């Protein structure tokens, strides 16, 4: 199934585990005596935002389908994102969360993807930088394909 795509980069299971542990240590050290509110931006987590649909590029339109269900006023907040691509979704979410008057808002992402960045976003914790390609695996999919892979691939997609 992957043979039909040009693989630009591969990140192994071991590399992913090492980076996730490093990010966890960094966050734990920074918030030793505080309990930040973690807001996940994934299907089925705390906040659900959509901008891709079945395409390989963002539509540019952000839809908030599930909002935060607790007060974040005066609390430190960390937004947990799988991948930051154009920056449009995250920029929207950071503005939305700041309306709840948190103490602070930080961003954590597994993948910092640079190729199509449209909005500058400050990323406080991140695992991997990928310059180009469509990223799949480790929960990320292309049109519902490749989500099951235990590693991450950056693919050249030819539609």
C-alpha atoms as a PDB file:
ATOM      1  CA  UNK A   1       0.000   0.000   0.000  1.00  0.00           C
ATOM      2  CA  UNK A   2       2.848   2.426   0.780  1.00  0.00           C
ATOM      3  CA  UNK A   3       4.743   1.318  -2.326  1.00  0.00           C
ATOM      4  CA  UNK A   4       2.699   3.744  -4.447  1.00  0.00           C
ATOM      5  CA  UNK A   5       4.045   6.769  -2.556  1.00  0.00           C
ATOM      6  CA  UNK A   6       7.469   8.368  -2.412  1.00  0.00           C
ATOM      7  CA  UNK A   7       8.690   8.275   1.215  1.00  0.00           C
ATOM      8  CA  UNK A   8      10.488  11.523   2.069  1.00  0.00           C
ATOM      9  CA  UNK A   9      11.199  10.806   5.750  1.00  0.00           C
ATOM     10  CA  UNK A  10      10.598   8.034   8.288  1.00  0.00           C
ATOM     11  CA  UNK A  11      10.491   8.408  12.071  1.00  0.00           C
ATOM     12  CA  UNK A  12      10.748   5.062  13.875  1.00  0.00           C
ATOM     13  CA  UNK A  13       8.705   3.826  16.843  1.00  0.00           C
ATOM     14  CA  UNK A  14      11.803   4.115  19.030  1.00  0.00           C
ATOM     15  CA  UNK A  15      12.453   7.721  17.992  1.00  0.00           C
ATOM     16  CA  UNK A  16       8.810   8.605  18.725  1.00  0.00           C
ATOM     17  CA  UNK A  17       8.951   6.996  22.179  1.00  0.00           C
ATOM     18  CA  UNK A  18      12.194   8.823  23.029  1.00  0.00           C
ATOM     19  CA  UNK A  19      10.796  12.212  21.988  1.00  0.00           C
ATOM     20  CA  UNK A  20       7.481  11.712  23.799  1.00  0.00           C
ATOM     21  CA  UNK A  21       9.406  10.861  26.992  1.00  0.00           C
ATOM     22  CA  UNK A  22      11.610  13.937  26.559  1.00  0.00           C
ATOM     23  CA  UNK A  23       8.583  16.222  26.097  1.00  0.00           C
ATOM     24  CA  UNK A  24       6.923  14.644  29.145  1.00  0.00           C
ATOM     25  CA  UNK A  25      10.063  15.282  31.252  1.00  0.00           C
ATOM     26  CA  UNK A  26      10.240  18.900  30.076  1.00  0.00           C
ATOM     27  CA  UNK A  27       6.590  19.552  30.944  1.00  0.00           C
ATOM     28  CA  UNK A  28       6.895  17.753  34.280  1.00  0.00           C
ATOM     29  CA  UNK A  29       9.934  19.858  35.203  1.00  0.00           C
ATOM     30  CA  UNK A  30       8.254  23.122  34.249  1.00  0.00           C
ATOM     31  CA  UNK A  31       5.001  22.407  36.094  1.00  0.00           C
ATOM     32  CA  UNK A  32       6.390  20.673  39.219  1.00  0.00           C
ATOM     33  CA  UNK A  33       4.076  22.353  41.710  1.00  0.00           C
ATOM     34  CA  UNK A  34       1.181  23.210  39.382  1.00  0.00           C
ATOM     35  CA  UNK A  35      -1.448  21.267  37.492  1.00  0.00           C
ATOM     36  CA  UNK A  36      -1.866  22.558  33.949  1.00  0.00           C
ATOM     37  CA  UNK A  37      -5.070  21.920  32.042  1.00  0.00           C
ATOM     38  CA  UNK A  38      -4.177  19.790  29.021  1.00  0.00           C
ATOM     39  CA  UNK A  39      -6.348  20.391  25.974  1.00  0.00           C
ATOM     40  CA  UNK A  40      -6.001  17.752  23.273  1.00  0.00           C
ATOM     41  CA  UNK A  41      -6.824  18.637  19.689  1.00  0.00           C
ATOM     42  CA  UNK A  42      -7.616  15.203  18.348  1.00  0.00           C
ATOM     43  CA  UNK A  43     -10.726  13.288  17.387  1.00  0.00           C
ATOM     44  CA  UNK A  44     -12.370  12.017  20.546  1.00  0.00           C
ATOM     45  CA  UNK A  45     -10.340  14.120  22.976  1.00  0.00           C
ATOM     46  CA  UNK A  46     -11.221  17.385  24.732  1.00  0.00           C
ATOM     47  CA  UNK A  47     -11.570  19.834  21.868  1.00  0.00           C
ATOM     48  CA  UNK A  48     -12.362  18.753  18.335  1.00  0.00           C
ATOM     49  CA  UNK A  49     -11.308  20.968  15.460  1.00  0.00           C
ATOM     50  CA  UNK A  50     -11.455  20.033  11.807  1.00  0.00           C
ATOM     51  CA  UNK A  51      -9.854  21.625   8.741  1.00  0.00           C
ATOM     52  CA  UNK A  52      -8.809  18.803   6.380  1.00  0.00           C
ATOM     53  CA  UNK A  53     -11.791  16.567   5.599  1.00  0.00           C
ATOM     54  CA  UNK A  54     -10.692  14.018   2.999  1.00  0.00           C
ATOM     55  CA  UNK A  55      -8.154  16.275   1.283  1.00  0.00           C
ATOM     56  CA  UNK A  56      -4.403  16.456   1.663  1.00  0.00           C
ATOM     57  CA  UNK A  57      -4.427  20.220   2.277  1.00  0.00           C
ATOM     58  CA  UNK A  58      -6.246  22.267   4.873  1.00  0.00           C
ATOM     59  CA  UNK A  59      -9.485  23.865   3.724  1.00  0.00           C
ATOM     60  CA  UNK A  60      -8.558  26.953   5.746  1.00  0.00           C
ATOM     61  CA  UNK A  61     -11.938  26.867   7.481  1.00  0.00           C
ATOM     62  CA  UNK A  62     -11.851  25.833  11.129  1.00  0.00           C
ATOM     63  CA  UNK A  63     -14.858  24.220  12.771  1.00  0.00           C
ATOM     64  CA  UNK A  64     -15.016  23.903  16.556  1.00  0.00           C
ATOM     65  CA  UNK A  65     -17.212  20.847  17.095  1.00  0.00           C
ATOM     66  CA  UNK A  66     -16.570  20.250  20.815  1.00  0.00           C
ATOM     67  CA  UNK A  67     -15.543  22.978  23.236  1.00  0.00           C
ATOM     68  CA  UNK A  68     -13.852  22.959  26.652  1.00  0.00           C
ATOM     69  CA  UNK A  69     -16.238  21.861  29.393  1.00  0.00           C
ATOM     70  CA  UNK A  70     -14.468  23.328  32.444  1.00  0.00           C
ATOM     71  CA  UNK A  71     -13.237  26.726  33.541  1.00  0.00           C
ATOM     72  CA  UNK A  72      -9.650  27.540  32.629  1.00  0.00           C
ATOM     73  CA  UNK A  73      -9.677  31.014  34.186  1.00  0.00           C
ATOM     74  CA  UNK A  74      -6.399  31.625  36.014  1.00  0.00           C
ATOM     75  CA  UNK A  75      -5.030  28.159  35.206  1.00  0.00           C
ATOM     76  CA  UNK A  76      -2.024  27.241  33.080  1.00  0.00           C
ATOM     77  CA  UNK A  77      -3.118  25.593  29.828  1.00  0.00           C
ATOM     78  CA  UNK A  78      -1.152  23.352  27.476  1.00  0.00           C
ATOM     79  CA  UNK A  79      -2.634  22.660  24.049  1.00  0.00           C
ATOM     80  CA  UNK A  80      -1.634  19.185  22.859  1.00  0.00           C
ATOM     81  CA  UNK A  81      -1.599  18.835  19.074  1.00  0.00           C
ATOM     82  CA  UNK A  82      -0.447  15.971  16.891  1.00  0.00           C
ATOM     83  CA  UNK A  83       0.818  18.106  14.008  1.00  0.00           C
ATOM     84  CA  UNK A  84       1.103  21.806  13.267  1.00  0.00           C
ATOM     85  CA  UNK A  85       0.966  22.415   9.529  1.00  0.00           C
ATOM     86  CA  UNK A  86      -0.448  25.722   8.244  1.00  0.00           C
ATOM     87  CA  UNK A  87      -0.851  27.056  11.787  1.00  0.00           C
ATOM     88  CA  UNK A  88      -4.426  28.164  11.035  1.00  0.00           C
ATOM     89  CA  UNK A  89      -6.125  25.658  13.364  1.00  0.00           C
ATOM     90  CA  UNK A  90      -3.759  26.312  16.237  1.00  0.00           C
ATOM     91  CA  UNK A  91      -3.885  30.079  15.813  1.00  0.00           C
ATOM     92  CA  UNK A  92      -7.684  29.898  15.988  1.00  0.00           C
ATOM     93  CA  UNK A  93      -7.583  27.659  19.054  1.00  0.00           C
ATOM     94  CA  UNK A  94      -5.041  29.786  20.952  1.00  0.00           C
ATOM     95  CA  UNK A  95      -7.223  32.883  20.430  1.00  0.00           C
ATOM     96  CA  UNK A  96     -10.321  30.926  21.516  1.00  0.00           C
ATOM     97  CA  UNK A  97      -8.639  29.591  24.658  1.00  0.00           C
ATOM     98  CA  UNK A  98      -7.290  33.005  25.654  1.00  0.00           C
ATOM     99  CA  UNK A  99     -10.912  34.184  25.813  1.00  0.00           C
ATOM    100  CA  UNK A 100     -11.234  31.892  28.866  1.00  0.00           C
ATOM    101  CA  UNK A 101      -8.605  34.025  30.666  1.00  0.00           C
ATOM    102  CA  UNK A 102      -6.078  31.313  31.539  1.00  0.00           C
ATOM    103  CA  UNK A 103      -2.888  32.083  33.447  1.00  0.00           C
ATOM    104  CA  UNK A 104      -0.879  31.023  30.400  1.00  0.00           C
ATOM    105  CA  UNK A 105      -1.232  29.100  27.144  1.00  0.00           C
ATOM    106  CA  UNK A 106       1.560  26.866  25.870  1.00  0.00           C
ATOM    107  CA  UNK A 107       1.630  24.601  22.821  1.00  0.00           C
ATOM    108  CA  UNK A 108       2.899  21.029  22.577  1.00  0.00           C
ATOM    109  CA  UNK A 109       3.038  19.174  19.264  1.00  0.00           C
ATOM    110  CA  UNK A 110       4.535  15.903  18.143  1.00  0.00           C
ATOM    111  CA  UNK A 111       5.199  17.205  14.609  1.00  0.00           C
ATOM    112  CA  UNK A 112       6.196  20.716  13.566  1.00  0.00           C
ATOM    113  CA  UNK A 113       5.583  20.744   9.800  1.00  0.00           C
ATOM    114  CA  UNK A 114       7.021  23.750   7.998  1.00  0.00           C
ATOM    115  CA  UNK A 115       6.126  23.391   4.308  1.00  0.00           C
ATOM    116  CA  UNK A 116       2.742  25.162   4.301  1.00  0.00           C
ATOM    117  CA  UNK A 117       2.977  27.397   7.381  1.00  0.00           C
ATOM    118  CA  UNK A 118       0.674  30.387   6.940  1.00  0.00           C
ATOM    119  CA  UNK A 119       0.449  31.630  10.544  1.00  0.00           C
ATOM    120  CA  UNK A 120       3.421  32.002  12.837  1.00  0.00           C
ATOM    121  CA  UNK A 121       2.838  29.954  15.960  1.00  0.00           C
ATOM    122  CA  UNK A 122       5.028  29.682  19.038  1.00  0.00           C
ATOM    123  CA  UNK A 123       5.532  25.995  19.833  1.00  0.00           C
ATOM    124  CA  UNK A 124       6.802  25.470  23.362  1.00  0.00           C
ATOM    125  CA  UNK A 125       7.341  21.699  23.188  1.00  0.00           C
ATOM    126  CA  UNK A 126       7.684  19.636  20.025  1.00  0.00           C
ATOM    127  CA  UNK A 127       9.047  16.299  18.969  1.00  0.00           C
ATOM    128  CA  UNK A 128      10.008  16.380  15.292  1.00  0.00           C
ATOM    129  CA  UNK A 129      10.415  18.904  12.521  1.00  0.00           C
ATOM    130  CA  UNK A 130       9.338  17.831   9.052  1.00  0.00           C
ATOM    131  CA  UNK A 131      10.001  20.197   6.190  1.00  0.00           C
ATOM    132  CA  UNK A 132       7.709  18.738   3.503  1.00  0.00           C
ATOM    133  CA  UNK A 133       5.365  15.941   2.483  1.00  0.00           C
ATOM    134  CA  UNK A 134       2.083  14.625   3.849  1.00  0.00           C
ATOM    135  CA  UNK A 135       2.584  13.094   7.296  1.00  0.00           C
ATOM    136  CA  UNK A 136       0.952   9.746   8.121  1.00  0.00           C
ATOM    137  CA  UNK A 137       1.212   6.995  10.707  1.00  0.00           C
ATOM    138  CA  UNK A 138       1.048   6.941  14.495  1.00  0.00           C
ATOM    139  CA  UNK A 139      -2.593   8.043  14.340  1.00  0.00           C
ATOM    140  CA  UNK A 140      -2.218  10.473  11.430  1.00  0.00           C
ATOM    141  CA  UNK A 141      -3.974   9.530   8.213  1.00  0.00           C
ATOM    142  CA  UNK A 142      -4.348  10.417   4.568  1.00  0.00           C
ATOM    143  CA  UNK A 143      -7.993   9.984   3.588  1.00  0.00           C
ATOM    144  CA  UNK A 144      -8.422   7.346   6.349  1.00  0.00           C
ATOM    145  CA  UNK A 145      -5.305   5.410   5.229  1.00  0.00           C
ATOM    146  CA  UNK A 146      -2.049   4.733   7.123  1.00  0.00           C
ATOM    147  CA  UNK A 147      -3.349   5.758  10.578  1.00  0.00           C
ATOM    148  CA  UNK A 148      -2.458   2.304  11.942  1.00  0.00           C
ATOM    149  CA  UNK A 149       1.285   2.523  11.232  1.00  0.00           C
ATOM    150  CA  UNK A 150       3.405   2.382  14.434  1.00  0.00           C
ATOM    151  CA  UNK A 151       5.886   4.855  12.896  1.00  0.00           C
ATOM    152  CA  UNK A 152       5.598   8.197  11.074  1.00  0.00           C
ATOM    153  CA  UNK A 153       6.166   8.745   7.367  1.00  0.00           C
ATOM    154  CA  UNK A 154       6.352  11.898   5.308  1.00  0.00           C
ATOM    155  CA  UNK A 155       4.935  11.032   1.890  1.00  0.00           C
ATOM    156  CA  UNK A 156       4.838  12.699  -1.467  1.00  0.00           C
ATOM    157  CA  UNK A 157       1.151  12.451  -2.469  1.00  0.00           C
ATOM    158  CA  UNK A 158       0.282  12.484  -6.164  1.00  0.00           C
ATOM    159  CA  UNK A 159      -3.442  13.060  -6.707  1.00  0.00           C
END
